[in-house]
């Protein structure tokens, strides 16, 4: 499943999380694993968001998605 996650668009990922077919932690972990595997070869990543996995763990199961802005964290998309 994690390989499929890295090729899914944001709408598909949101649906998978909403329907509990994947967790936010699985989605973030899949993308971090892909970065780790490809970054040494192509160096596309300048900076990783520190704490992305921890934020995914914190939001897992809350039904709310956090969106970071330049100066704060805002809550959106509550269901």
C-alpha atoms as a PDB file:
ATOM      1  CA  UNK A   1       0.000   0.000   0.000  1.00  0.00           C
ATOM      2  CA  UNK A   2       2.763   2.526   0.825  1.00  0.00           C
ATOM      3  CA  UNK A   3       4.001   2.438  -2.769  1.00  0.00           C
ATOM      4  CA  UNK A   4       0.492   3.329  -3.938  1.00  0.00           C
ATOM      5  CA  UNK A   5       0.342   6.215  -1.479  1.00  0.00           C
ATOM      6  CA  UNK A   6       3.270   8.067  -3.019  1.00  0.00           C
ATOM      7  CA  UNK A   7       1.561   8.086  -6.427  1.00  0.00           C
ATOM      8  CA  UNK A   8      -1.844   9.228  -5.131  1.00  0.00           C
ATOM      9  CA  UNK A   9      -2.919  12.846  -5.461  1.00  0.00           C
ATOM     10  CA  UNK A  10      -4.054  14.904  -2.471  1.00  0.00           C
ATOM     11  CA  UNK A  11      -7.741  14.213  -3.114  1.00  0.00           C
ATOM     12  CA  UNK A  12      -7.171  10.462  -3.172  1.00  0.00           C
ATOM     13  CA  UNK A  13      -5.024  10.635  -0.031  1.00  0.00           C
ATOM     14  CA  UNK A  14      -7.691  12.635   1.801  1.00  0.00           C
ATOM     15  CA  UNK A  15     -10.322  10.053   0.831  1.00  0.00           C
ATOM     16  CA  UNK A  16      -8.106   7.171   1.988  1.00  0.00           C
ATOM     17  CA  UNK A  17      -7.552   8.881   5.345  1.00  0.00           C
ATOM     18  CA  UNK A  18     -11.215   9.864   5.714  1.00  0.00           C
ATOM     19  CA  UNK A  19     -12.388   6.305   5.035  1.00  0.00           C
ATOM     20  CA  UNK A  20      -9.658   4.880   7.261  1.00  0.00           C
ATOM     21  CA  UNK A  21      -8.083   2.893   4.409  1.00  0.00           C
ATOM     22  CA  UNK A  22      -4.813   4.653   5.341  1.00  0.00           C
ATOM     23  CA  UNK A  23      -3.733   6.749   8.298  1.00  0.00           C
ATOM     24  CA  UNK A  24      -2.061  10.137   8.134  1.00  0.00           C
ATOM     25  CA  UNK A  25       0.987   8.476   9.682  1.00  0.00           C
ATOM     26  CA  UNK A  26       1.135   5.917   6.852  1.00  0.00           C
ATOM     27  CA  UNK A  27       0.859   8.679   4.239  1.00  0.00           C
ATOM     28  CA  UNK A  28       3.621  10.800   5.780  1.00  0.00           C
ATOM     29  CA  UNK A  29       5.852   7.768   6.409  1.00  0.00           C
ATOM     30  CA  UNK A  30       5.451   6.598   2.785  1.00  0.00           C
ATOM     31  CA  UNK A  31       6.480  10.006   1.483  1.00  0.00           C
ATOM     32  CA  UNK A  32       9.390  10.343   3.914  1.00  0.00           C
ATOM     33  CA  UNK A  33      10.593   6.871   2.890  1.00  0.00           C
ATOM     34  CA  UNK A  34      10.408   7.895  -0.765  1.00  0.00           C
ATOM     35  CA  UNK A  35      12.388  11.072  -0.060  1.00  0.00           C
ATOM     36  CA  UNK A  36      15.006   9.027   1.785  1.00  0.00           C
ATOM     37  CA  UNK A  37      15.284   6.583  -1.110  1.00  0.00           C
ATOM     38  CA  UNK A  38      15.471   9.138  -3.927  1.00  0.00           C
ATOM     39  CA  UNK A  39      17.040  12.234  -2.396  1.00  0.00           C
ATOM     40  CA  UNK A  40      20.665  10.999  -2.591  1.00  0.00           C
ATOM     41  CA  UNK A  41      20.232  10.323  -6.319  1.00  0.00           C
ATOM     42  CA  UNK A  42      18.370  13.397  -7.528  1.00  0.00           C
ATOM     43  CA  UNK A  43      18.561  15.817  -4.566  1.00  0.00           C
ATOM     44  CA  UNK A  44      15.124  17.373  -5.098  1.00  0.00           C
ATOM     45  CA  UNK A  45      14.482  18.170  -1.434  1.00  0.00           C
ATOM     46  CA  UNK A  46      15.987  21.319   0.007  1.00  0.00           C
ATOM     47  CA  UNK A  47      14.268  21.211   3.410  1.00  0.00           C
ATOM     48  CA  UNK A  48      11.989  18.700   5.074  1.00  0.00           C
ATOM     49  CA  UNK A  49       9.256  19.938   7.389  1.00  0.00           C
ATOM     50  CA  UNK A  50      10.549  19.178  10.848  1.00  0.00           C
ATOM     51  CA  UNK A  51       7.955  17.358  12.901  1.00  0.00           C
ATOM     52  CA  UNK A  52       5.805  16.205   9.954  1.00  0.00           C
ATOM     53  CA  UNK A  53       5.543  12.659  11.261  1.00  0.00           C
ATOM     54  CA  UNK A  54       4.785  13.842  14.789  1.00  0.00           C
ATOM     55  CA  UNK A  55       2.037  16.130  13.443  1.00  0.00           C
ATOM     56  CA  UNK A  56       0.553  13.204  11.525  1.00  0.00           C
ATOM     57  CA  UNK A  57       0.576  11.083  14.678  1.00  0.00           C
ATOM     58  CA  UNK A  58      -1.085  13.872  16.656  1.00  0.00           C
ATOM     59  CA  UNK A  59      -3.833  14.381  14.078  1.00  0.00           C
ATOM     60  CA  UNK A  60      -4.455  10.689  13.460  1.00  0.00           C
ATOM     61  CA  UNK A  61      -8.039   9.937  14.307  1.00  0.00           C
ATOM     62  CA  UNK A  62      -8.942  13.513  15.223  1.00  0.00           C
ATOM     63  CA  UNK A  63     -10.937  14.185  12.044  1.00  0.00           C
ATOM     64  CA  UNK A  64      -9.197  17.543  11.746  1.00  0.00           C
ATOM     65  CA  UNK A  65      -6.368  18.474   9.448  1.00  0.00           C
ATOM     66  CA  UNK A  66      -3.770  21.012  10.571  1.00  0.00           C
ATOM     67  CA  UNK A  67      -2.473  23.420   7.977  1.00  0.00           C
ATOM     68  CA  UNK A  68       0.709  25.338   8.763  1.00  0.00           C
ATOM     69  CA  UNK A  69       1.015  28.941   7.761  1.00  0.00           C
ATOM     70  CA  UNK A  70       4.127  31.052   7.984  1.00  0.00           C
ATOM     71  CA  UNK A  71       3.395  32.220  11.503  1.00  0.00           C
ATOM     72  CA  UNK A  72       0.957  29.743  13.016  1.00  0.00           C
ATOM     73  CA  UNK A  73      -0.927  26.487  12.739  1.00  0.00           C
ATOM     74  CA  UNK A  74      -4.551  26.809  11.685  1.00  0.00           C
ATOM     75  CA  UNK A  75      -7.231  24.153  11.861  1.00  0.00           C
ATOM     76  CA  UNK A  76      -9.222  23.321   8.759  1.00  0.00           C
ATOM     77  CA  UNK A  77     -11.313  20.678   7.137  1.00  0.00           C
ATOM     78  CA  UNK A  78     -13.004  19.430  10.301  1.00  0.00           C
ATOM     79  CA  UNK A  79     -15.520  16.655   9.681  1.00  0.00           C
END
